[in-house]
């Protein structure tokens, strides 16, 4: 049975690689012609409206994304380590949206529907949802106050704490966001919301917070935030349950990011406190901390090579009986590149293999990005993972992930991405699972926006 699955998987991968090779060797032949046509389309599309009546405008658009995923020694149900298992799946995501705007009043009504489907692997699903639906009123009656109410995405900074989970079916919240801009360069957001249940089994998670951004110079900002989270965090890898309606988390963080010439930087520390359910009765106080620092430099050379490096830290906890909980959970469904493309490592809290948990992570990242063509980007990254806390007798070496991503933007609305990835399992995986196999993951994605 496994041999038959392996043959099927190899055939799919060979076909996908042949298709990718065809696309990327054919595309440059008509790239210049497509670029000229695209410039014309962009110039025309800037003024295209579905309907305009006086001060009101009605626009419509959408996005269709198709992707094939292929994995070896990993499953797509919880992305956990599954030695000897081969899996392939096809994903489809279609979003259709419409908006009604009044530019005089700075008022917008926006609705976005989503159809998300998954076929192959262990199970399949097809879901149709209201992904976003909100009313936004900016600078209300000429004041520095803005309000956005309804179902919406939240994205701050580089998505280390909270992002949109865009690689899959997304992440939205039912609630409000109020903003005030008392003077140029300073913005303060206040929000309160409940996470939308887009996946089967999603828990009730509530989020409220304050996020302040001060632009200290043209390409640099200083940010500070305080968030309250009730209900816990949804996890992959069959982690022990931290989803409990009675638990409370507070996250205090700051972010300093920007560019100086060709040098870019980001520093984001966090501290967490609150209460979680203890082993047995009662609750344990939370005392956790973490963060990351990222540095990059883009050279003024052909292909615009960019070298970058990052370090992330999250405190760990391997003693559930000491009356304190110290494992860092500084992210809620994020899109941070720090954890790699494979979801073997889902966030900073650690990873569980065969019910053995490595708690808190140190992550070292190094990579290079080049642009051989104006619309072609190639990025290679290496991620090194070390646990901060493990059970007695287990090694802290979690593993190393290598990610190769190739993206091509054929036109303004058509793009392709190909990813080839390998996770070299460390000694912790071998001790916990009894297997020294590595994990392979590849994908082919096409996206059309209109």
Protein backbone atom coordinates (compact mmCIF):
# COMPACT_ATOMS: atom_id res chain seq x y z
CA UNK A 1 0.00 0.00 0.00
CA UNK A 2 2.74 2.46 0.96
CA UNK A 3 4.69 1.52 -2.18
CA UNK A 4 1.62 2.27 -4.34
CA UNK A 5 1.11 5.61 -2.60
CA UNK A 6 4.77 6.40 -3.16
CA UNK A 7 4.50 5.67 -6.90
CA UNK A 8 1.43 7.91 -7.20
CA UNK A 9 3.14 10.68 -5.23
CA UNK A 10 6.26 10.46 -7.42
CA UNK A 11 4.16 10.67 -10.57
CA UNK A 12 2.37 13.76 -9.27
CA UNK A 13 5.62 15.42 -8.31
CA UNK A 14 7.24 14.62 -11.68
CA UNK A 15 4.21 16.02 -13.52
CA UNK A 16 4.22 19.16 -11.35
CA UNK A 17 7.94 19.72 -11.86
CA UNK A 18 7.52 19.27 -15.62
CA UNK A 19 4.69 21.81 -15.60
CA UNK A 20 6.78 24.27 -13.56
CA UNK A 21 9.78 23.83 -15.85
CA UNK A 22 7.57 24.47 -18.88
CA UNK A 23 6.09 27.62 -17.33
CA UNK A 24 9.38 29.12 -16.22
CA UNK A 25 11.23 28.35 -19.44
CA UNK A 26 8.38 29.60 -21.64
CA UNK A 27 7.49 32.73 -19.69
CA UNK A 28 10.67 34.74 -20.44
CA UNK A 29 10.08 34.27 -24.19
CA UNK A 30 7.03 36.51 -24.08
CA UNK A 31 7.86 38.48 -20.91
CA UNK A 32 8.66 41.74 -22.71
CA UNK A 33 5.48 41.63 -24.78
CA UNK A 34 3.39 40.79 -21.71
CA UNK A 35 5.07 43.61 -19.77
CA UNK A 36 4.13 46.19 -22.42
CA UNK A 37 0.54 44.93 -22.54
CA UNK A 38 0.41 44.93 -18.76
CA UNK A 39 1.49 48.57 -18.56
CA UNK A 40 -1.40 49.43 -20.85
CA UNK A 41 -3.86 47.42 -18.76
CA UNK A 42 -2.64 48.96 -15.51
CA UNK A 43 -3.06 52.45 -16.91
CA UNK A 44 -6.59 51.62 -18.05
CA UNK A 45 -7.65 49.66 -14.94
CA UNK A 46 -6.84 52.49 -12.57
CA UNK A 47 -9.97 54.29 -13.76
CA UNK A 48 -12.30 51.32 -14.31
CA UNK A 49 -15.39 51.35 -12.08
CA UNK A 50 -18.30 48.95 -12.09
CA UNK A 51 -20.70 51.81 -11.40
CA UNK A 52 -20.43 55.47 -10.48
CA UNK A 53 -23.26 57.74 -9.43
CA UNK A 54 -22.43 61.18 -8.09
CA UNK A 55 -20.20 60.80 -5.05
CA UNK A 56 -20.75 57.03 -4.86
CA UNK A 57 -18.65 54.31 -6.47
CA UNK A 58 -19.32 50.58 -6.66
CA UNK A 59 -16.36 48.28 -7.32
CA UNK A 60 -16.10 44.52 -7.61
CA UNK A 61 -13.24 42.06 -7.87
CA UNK A 62 -11.93 38.73 -6.78
CA UNK A 63 -9.15 36.22 -6.47
CA UNK A 64 -8.80 32.56 -7.47
CA UNK A 65 -5.97 30.48 -6.03
CA UNK A 66 -5.09 26.89 -6.95
CA UNK A 67 -2.37 24.88 -5.23
CA UNK A 68 -1.06 21.35 -5.12
CA UNK A 69 0.70 20.23 -1.93
CA UNK A 70 2.93 17.14 -1.68
CA UNK A 71 4.48 15.77 1.52
CA UNK A 72 6.56 12.81 2.67
CA UNK A 73 6.76 11.79 6.35
CA UNK A 74 4.19 14.48 7.22
CA UNK A 75 0.40 14.65 7.25
CA UNK A 76 -1.76 17.61 6.28
CA UNK A 77 -4.32 17.13 9.07
CA UNK A 78 -2.16 18.65 11.81
CA UNK A 79 1.18 18.91 9.90
CA UNK A 80 2.71 16.51 12.40
CA UNK A 81 5.68 14.19 11.84
CA UNK A 82 4.34 10.92 10.35
CA UNK A 83 7.21 8.60 9.35
CA UNK A 84 6.51 6.44 6.31
CA UNK A 85 3.44 8.46 5.30
CA UNK A 86 3.03 10.09 1.86
CA UNK A 87 0.29 12.60 1.18
CA UNK A 88 -0.88 14.92 -1.58
CA UNK A 89 -3.74 17.40 -1.67
CA UNK A 90 -5.28 19.99 -3.97
CA UNK A 91 -6.46 23.32 -2.54
CA UNK A 92 -8.79 25.86 -4.11
CA UNK A 93 -9.66 29.28 -2.70
CA UNK A 94 -11.97 31.73 -4.43
CA UNK A 95 -12.77 35.16 -3.02
CA UNK A 96 -15.32 37.51 -4.56
CA UNK A 97 -15.78 41.00 -3.18
CA UNK A 98 -17.75 44.19 -3.76
CA UNK A 99 -17.51 47.62 -2.18
CA UNK A 100 -19.58 50.79 -2.12
CA UNK A 101 -17.59 53.96 -1.41
CA UNK A 102 -18.24 57.63 -0.87
CA UNK A 103 -14.91 59.47 -1.12
CA UNK A 104 -16.40 62.74 0.12
CA UNK A 105 -17.61 61.16 3.37
CA UNK A 106 -14.65 58.68 3.48
CA UNK A 107 -17.23 55.91 3.93
CA UNK A 108 -16.96 52.34 2.62
CA UNK A 109 -19.10 49.22 2.82
CA UNK A 110 -17.15 46.06 1.91
CA UNK A 111 -18.32 42.45 1.47
CA UNK A 112 -16.09 39.48 0.59
CA UNK A 113 -17.27 35.88 0.16
CA UNK A 114 -14.94 32.88 0.19
CA UNK A 115 -15.16 29.35 -1.14
CA UNK A 116 -12.38 27.13 0.23
CA UNK A 117 -11.94 23.54 -0.86
CA UNK A 118 -9.47 20.77 -0.11
CA UNK A 119 -9.30 17.40 -1.85
CA UNK A 120 -6.91 14.52 -1.22
CA UNK A 121 -4.99 13.54 1.87
CA UNK A 122 -6.80 12.08 4.85
CA UNK A 123 -10.02 14.07 4.44
CA UNK A 124 -11.67 16.62 2.20
CA UNK A 125 -13.71 19.75 2.75
CA UNK A 126 -15.60 22.40 0.88
CA UNK A 127 -16.80 25.49 2.73
CA UNK A 128 -18.56 28.68 1.67
CA UNK A 129 -18.26 31.59 4.13
CA UNK A 130 -18.64 35.30 4.54
CA UNK A 131 -14.94 36.05 4.88
CA UNK A 132 -15.19 39.80 5.41
CA UNK A 133 -18.10 42.19 5.75
CA UNK A 134 -17.63 45.59 7.35
CA UNK A 135 -18.41 49.28 7.34
CA UNK A 136 -15.45 51.65 7.53
CA UNK A 137 -15.72 55.39 8.15
CA UNK A 138 -12.40 57.21 8.01
CA UNK A 139 -11.83 60.64 9.57
CA UNK A 140 -15.41 60.88 10.71
CA UNK A 141 -16.86 64.31 9.82
CA UNK A 142 -13.35 65.68 9.40
CA UNK A 143 -12.15 64.50 12.82
CA UNK A 144 -9.00 62.42 13.47
CA UNK A 145 -11.19 59.45 14.46
CA UNK A 146 -11.92 56.43 12.21
CA UNK A 147 -14.09 53.36 12.82
CA UNK A 148 -14.24 49.94 11.18
CA UNK A 149 -16.98 47.56 12.36
CA UNK A 150 -17.90 44.06 11.25
CA UNK A 151 -16.02 40.97 10.06
CA UNK A 152 -12.43 41.92 9.19
CA UNK A 153 -8.77 40.91 9.10
CA UNK A 154 -6.19 42.23 11.57
CA UNK A 155 -2.58 42.59 10.47
CA UNK A 156 0.09 44.42 12.44
CA UNK A 157 3.82 44.76 11.84
CA UNK A 158 5.33 41.74 10.10
CA UNK A 159 2.55 39.47 11.45
CA UNK A 160 4.68 38.11 14.30
CA UNK A 161 1.85 38.51 16.81
CA UNK A 162 -1.18 38.51 14.55
CA UNK A 163 -1.61 38.06 10.81
CA UNK A 164 -4.06 36.81 8.20
CA UNK A 165 -3.04 33.13 7.79
CA UNK A 166 -3.11 33.83 4.06
CA UNK A 167 -1.44 30.60 2.92
CA UNK A 168 -4.62 28.68 3.71
CA UNK A 169 -8.20 29.88 4.23
CA UNK A 170 -7.36 32.99 6.20
CA UNK A 171 -8.24 34.44 9.59
CA UNK A 172 -10.92 37.03 10.32
CA UNK A 173 -12.57 38.52 13.39
CA UNK A 174 -16.06 39.78 14.25
CA UNK A 175 -15.74 43.09 16.05
CA UNK A 176 -14.57 46.64 15.70
CA UNK A 177 -11.42 48.69 15.29
CA UNK A 178 -11.33 52.36 16.23
CA UNK A 179 -8.40 54.54 15.18
CA UNK A 180 -7.29 58.02 16.14
CA UNK A 181 -4.66 60.09 14.36
CA UNK A 182 -4.12 63.09 16.69
CA UNK A 183 -1.23 64.44 14.62
CA UNK A 184 0.81 63.41 11.61
CA UNK A 185 2.91 60.32 12.25
CA UNK A 186 0.97 58.99 15.26
CA UNK A 187 -1.83 56.40 15.00
CA UNK A 188 -3.57 54.62 17.87
CA UNK A 189 -5.87 51.62 17.27
CA UNK A 190 -8.32 50.14 19.78
CA UNK A 191 -10.00 46.84 18.93
CA UNK A 192 -12.32 44.22 20.36
CA UNK A 193 -13.33 41.03 18.55
CA UNK A 194 -14.11 37.33 18.46
CA UNK A 195 -12.31 34.93 16.11
CA UNK A 196 -14.45 33.69 13.22
CA UNK A 197 -14.77 29.89 13.12
CA UNK A 198 -13.57 29.12 9.58
CA UNK A 199 -12.33 25.60 10.46
CA UNK A 200 -14.14 22.65 12.04
CA UNK A 201 -13.48 22.54 15.76
CA UNK A 202 -12.25 26.13 16.08
CA UNK A 203 -12.63 27.28 19.71
CA UNK A 204 -14.17 30.49 21.04
CA UNK A 205 -11.30 32.96 21.13
CA UNK A 206 -11.66 36.64 22.04
CA UNK A 207 -9.15 39.40 21.44
CA UNK A 208 -9.01 43.01 22.60
CA UNK A 209 -6.14 45.43 22.49
CA UNK A 210 -4.41 48.70 21.84
CA UNK A 211 -1.82 49.22 19.09
CA UNK A 212 0.12 52.48 18.71
CA UNK A 213 2.39 53.42 15.78
CA UNK A 214 4.65 56.44 15.69
CA UNK A 215 6.52 57.20 12.47
CA UNK A 216 9.91 58.44 13.63
CA UNK A 217 11.19 59.05 10.10
CA UNK A 218 10.08 58.36 6.52
CA UNK A 219 10.97 54.66 6.50
CA UNK A 220 11.08 53.87 10.21
CA UNK A 221 8.50 53.46 12.97
CA UNK A 222 8.27 52.74 16.67
CA UNK A 223 5.25 50.68 17.75
CA UNK A 224 3.85 49.53 21.08
CA UNK A 225 0.90 47.27 21.87
CA UNK A 226 -1.06 45.56 24.62
CA UNK A 227 -3.45 42.69 23.79
CA UNK A 228 -5.81 40.66 25.94
CA UNK A 229 -6.64 37.14 24.75
CA UNK A 230 -9.38 35.00 26.32
CA UNK A 231 -9.88 31.38 25.38
CA UNK A 232 -6.34 30.37 24.46
CA UNK A 233 -4.62 29.62 21.19
CA UNK A 234 -5.52 27.02 18.53
CA UNK A 235 -2.63 24.63 17.94
CA UNK A 236 -1.42 22.08 15.45
CA UNK A 237 0.55 18.89 16.21
CA UNK A 238 -1.94 17.58 18.79
CA UNK A 239 -0.51 19.79 21.50
CA UNK A 240 -1.90 19.38 25.01
CA UNK A 241 -5.03 21.52 25.27
CA UNK A 242 -4.43 25.19 25.95
CA UNK A 243 -7.89 26.02 24.67
CA UNK A 244 -9.98 26.80 27.71
CA UNK A 245 -12.67 29.45 28.08
CA UNK A 246 -11.37 30.38 31.52
CA UNK A 247 -7.78 31.17 30.64
CA UNK A 248 -6.53 34.71 30.16
CA UNK A 249 -3.44 36.04 28.39
CA UNK A 250 -1.96 39.53 28.26
CA UNK A 251 0.75 40.36 25.74
CA UNK A 252 2.80 43.53 26.01
CA UNK A 253 5.08 44.21 23.08
CA UNK A 254 6.97 46.80 21.10
CA UNK A 255 8.36 46.93 17.58
CA UNK A 256 11.12 49.05 16.08
CA UNK A 257 11.44 48.60 12.30
CA UNK A 258 12.51 50.44 9.20
CA UNK A 259 15.13 51.02 6.53
CA UNK A 260 18.31 53.08 6.37
CA UNK A 261 19.49 53.20 2.80
CA UNK A 262 19.78 49.58 1.67
CA UNK A 263 19.82 48.24 5.23
CA UNK A 264 16.54 47.04 6.83
CA UNK A 265 15.92 46.02 10.43
CA UNK A 266 13.21 44.87 12.85
CA UNK A 267 13.24 44.32 16.61
CA UNK A 268 10.14 43.05 18.45
CA UNK A 269 10.27 41.91 22.11
CA UNK A 270 7.19 40.64 24.01
CA UNK A 271 6.25 39.85 27.59
CA UNK A 272 3.21 37.74 28.56
CA UNK A 273 1.28 37.21 31.76
CA UNK A 274 -2.15 35.91 32.79
CA UNK A 275 -3.63 32.63 34.05
CA UNK A 276 -4.04 29.15 32.52
CA UNK A 277 -5.60 25.94 33.78
CA UNK A 278 -3.17 24.06 35.99
CA UNK A 279 -2.57 20.32 36.18
CA UNK A 280 -5.29 19.19 38.54
CA UNK A 281 -7.41 21.97 40.06
CA UNK A 282 -6.83 25.69 40.01
CA UNK A 283 -4.89 27.96 37.68
CA UNK A 284 -1.23 28.79 37.20
CA UNK A 285 0.03 32.33 36.59
CA UNK A 286 1.68 32.93 33.20
CA UNK A 287 5.15 34.48 33.06
CA UNK A 288 6.61 34.15 29.56
CA UNK A 289 8.69 36.22 27.19
CA UNK A 290 10.09 36.15 23.66
CA UNK A 291 10.61 38.10 20.47
CA UNK A 292 12.73 38.38 17.36
CA UNK A 293 15.31 40.52 15.59
CA UNK A 294 15.71 40.67 11.79
CA UNK A 295 18.45 42.29 9.70
CA UNK A 296 18.83 42.56 5.94
CA UNK A 297 20.87 44.30 3.27
CA UNK A 298 20.05 44.73 -0.43
CA UNK A 299 23.06 45.18 -2.69
CA UNK A 300 23.13 47.59 -5.62
CA UNK A 301 24.08 44.84 -8.06
CA UNK A 302 22.48 42.97 -10.96
CA UNK A 303 19.60 40.76 -9.72
CA UNK A 304 19.33 42.95 -6.56
CA UNK A 305 20.63 40.30 -4.13
CA UNK A 306 19.42 40.66 -0.55
CA UNK A 307 21.11 38.90 2.36
CA UNK A 308 19.13 38.57 5.58
CA UNK A 309 19.36 36.94 8.99
CA UNK A 310 17.08 36.66 12.01
CA UNK A 311 16.97 35.31 15.54
CA UNK A 312 13.81 34.51 17.52
CA UNK A 313 13.44 33.36 21.12
CA UNK A 314 10.53 32.00 23.12
CA UNK A 315 10.73 30.92 26.75
CA UNK A 316 9.83 27.31 27.58
CA UNK A 317 8.38 25.24 30.42
CA UNK A 318 9.05 21.57 31.20
CA UNK A 319 7.69 21.48 34.76
CA UNK A 320 3.87 21.49 34.97
CA UNK A 321 3.95 21.16 38.78
CA UNK A 322 5.95 24.25 39.81
CA UNK A 323 2.92 26.58 39.98
CA UNK A 324 3.96 28.78 37.01
CA UNK A 325 3.44 28.55 33.27
CA UNK A 326 6.42 29.92 31.31
CA UNK A 327 5.87 28.78 27.71
CA UNK A 328 5.75 31.68 25.25
CA UNK A 329 2.78 32.04 22.90
CA UNK A 330 3.47 35.29 21.10
CA UNK A 331 1.50 34.56 17.96
CA UNK A 332 -2.08 33.94 16.88
CA UNK A 333 -2.29 32.26 13.47
CA UNK A 334 0.47 34.30 11.89
CA UNK A 335 2.25 34.36 8.54
CA UNK A 336 5.74 34.89 9.94
CA UNK A 337 8.50 33.50 7.74
CA UNK A 338 10.55 32.73 10.87
CA UNK A 339 8.92 29.30 11.31
CA UNK A 340 9.46 28.17 7.73
CA UNK A 341 7.02 27.07 5.03
CA UNK A 342 6.36 23.50 6.16
CA UNK A 343 4.34 24.04 9.38
CA UNK A 344 6.46 21.40 11.10
CA UNK A 345 7.11 24.26 13.52
CA UNK A 346 3.82 26.13 13.89
CA UNK A 347 4.88 28.90 16.27
CA UNK A 348 7.36 29.90 18.95
CA UNK A 349 5.86 27.69 21.66
CA UNK A 350 7.57 24.48 20.52
CA UNK A 351 6.61 21.18 18.91
CA UNK A 352 5.12 17.87 20.01
CA UNK A 353 6.31 14.53 18.58
CA UNK A 354 4.52 11.35 19.69
CA UNK A 355 3.16 13.15 22.79
CA UNK A 356 6.66 14.34 23.79
CA UNK A 357 6.85 18.12 23.92
CA UNK A 358 9.83 20.40 23.24
CA UNK A 359 8.90 23.71 24.85
CA UNK A 360 9.97 27.17 23.72
CA UNK A 361 12.23 27.66 20.74
CA UNK A 362 15.35 29.44 19.65
CA UNK A 363 15.29 30.01 15.90
CA UNK A 364 18.21 31.09 13.73
CA UNK A 365 17.44 32.13 10.15
CA UNK A 366 19.76 33.01 7.25
CA UNK A 367 18.87 33.51 3.63
CA UNK A 368 19.39 35.16 0.27
CA UNK A 369 16.91 36.59 -2.21
CA UNK A 370 17.54 37.52 -5.87
CA UNK A 371 15.53 38.91 -8.80
CA UNK A 372 16.94 37.43 -12.04
CA UNK A 373 14.06 39.12 -13.93
CA UNK A 374 11.98 42.13 -12.96
CA UNK A 375 9.05 39.86 -12.06
CA UNK A 376 10.95 36.74 -11.00
CA UNK A 377 12.11 36.25 -7.42
CA UNK A 378 14.13 33.35 -5.97
CA UNK A 379 14.55 33.03 -2.19
CA UNK A 380 16.56 30.44 -0.26
CA UNK A 381 16.30 30.25 3.56
CA UNK A 382 17.77 28.05 6.29
CA UNK A 383 16.04 27.76 9.69
CA UNK A 384 17.76 26.22 12.71
CA UNK A 385 15.49 25.15 15.61
CA UNK A 386 16.64 24.50 19.19
CA UNK A 387 14.32 23.85 22.15
CA UNK A 388 14.71 25.74 25.40
CA UNK A 389 13.04 23.14 27.62
CA UNK A 390 12.69 19.37 27.11
CA UNK A 391 11.89 16.39 29.31
CA UNK A 392 14.80 14.78 31.11
CA UNK A 393 16.94 12.65 28.80
CA UNK A 394 15.81 14.35 25.56
CA UNK A 395 18.05 16.41 23.31
CA UNK A 396 17.26 20.06 22.51
CA UNK A 397 18.22 19.68 18.84
CA UNK A 398 14.86 19.98 17.03
CA UNK A 399 16.10 20.25 13.46
CA UNK A 400 16.92 22.37 10.42
CA UNK A 401 14.59 23.44 7.63
CA UNK A 402 15.65 24.52 4.13
CA UNK A 403 13.13 26.45 2.01
CA UNK A 404 13.42 27.34 -1.67
CA UNK A 405 10.69 29.61 -3.07
CA UNK A 406 10.42 30.75 -6.69
CA UNK A 407 7.75 33.30 -7.61
CA UNK A 408 6.88 34.84 -10.95
CA UNK A 409 4.39 37.65 -11.61
CA UNK A 410 3.28 37.14 -15.21
CA UNK A 411 0.94 40.14 -15.21
CA UNK A 412 -0.54 42.46 -12.61
CA UNK A 413 -3.14 39.86 -11.69
CA UNK A 414 -1.50 36.51 -12.53
CA UNK A 415 1.28 35.00 -10.44
CA UNK A 416 2.93 31.60 -9.82
CA UNK A 417 4.82 30.27 -6.79
CA UNK A 418 6.80 27.04 -6.48
CA UNK A 419 8.22 25.82 -3.17
CA UNK A 420 10.62 22.95 -2.42
CA UNK A 421 11.35 22.32 1.25
CA UNK A 422 13.09 19.79 3.49
CA UNK A 423 13.11 19.50 7.28
CA UNK A 424 16.16 17.65 8.61
CA UNK A 425 14.89 16.15 11.85
CA UNK A 426 17.15 16.60 14.85
CA UNK A 427 17.95 14.30 17.71
CA UNK A 428 14.78 15.29 19.59
CA UNK A 429 12.63 13.88 16.74
CA UNK A 430 14.67 10.68 16.66
CA UNK A 431 14.43 10.17 20.41
CA UNK A 432 10.69 10.96 20.58
CA UNK A 433 9.58 9.01 17.50
CA UNK A 434 12.25 6.34 17.06
CA UNK A 435 12.65 7.46 13.45
CA UNK A 436 15.45 9.45 11.84
CA UNK A 437 13.56 10.16 8.62
CA UNK A 438 13.49 13.70 7.25
CA UNK A 439 10.37 15.53 6.07
CA UNK A 440 9.84 16.73 2.49
CA UNK A 441 7.23 19.20 1.29
CA UNK A 442 6.64 20.84 -2.07
CA UNK A 443 3.90 22.91 -3.62
CA UNK A 444 2.85 24.53 -6.89
CA UNK A 445 0.53 27.55 -6.74
CA UNK A 446 -1.19 29.72 -9.34
CA UNK A 447 -3.19 32.82 -8.47
CA UNK A 448 -5.40 35.14 -10.52
CA UNK A 449 -6.67 38.47 -9.19
CA UNK A 450 -9.24 40.63 -10.93
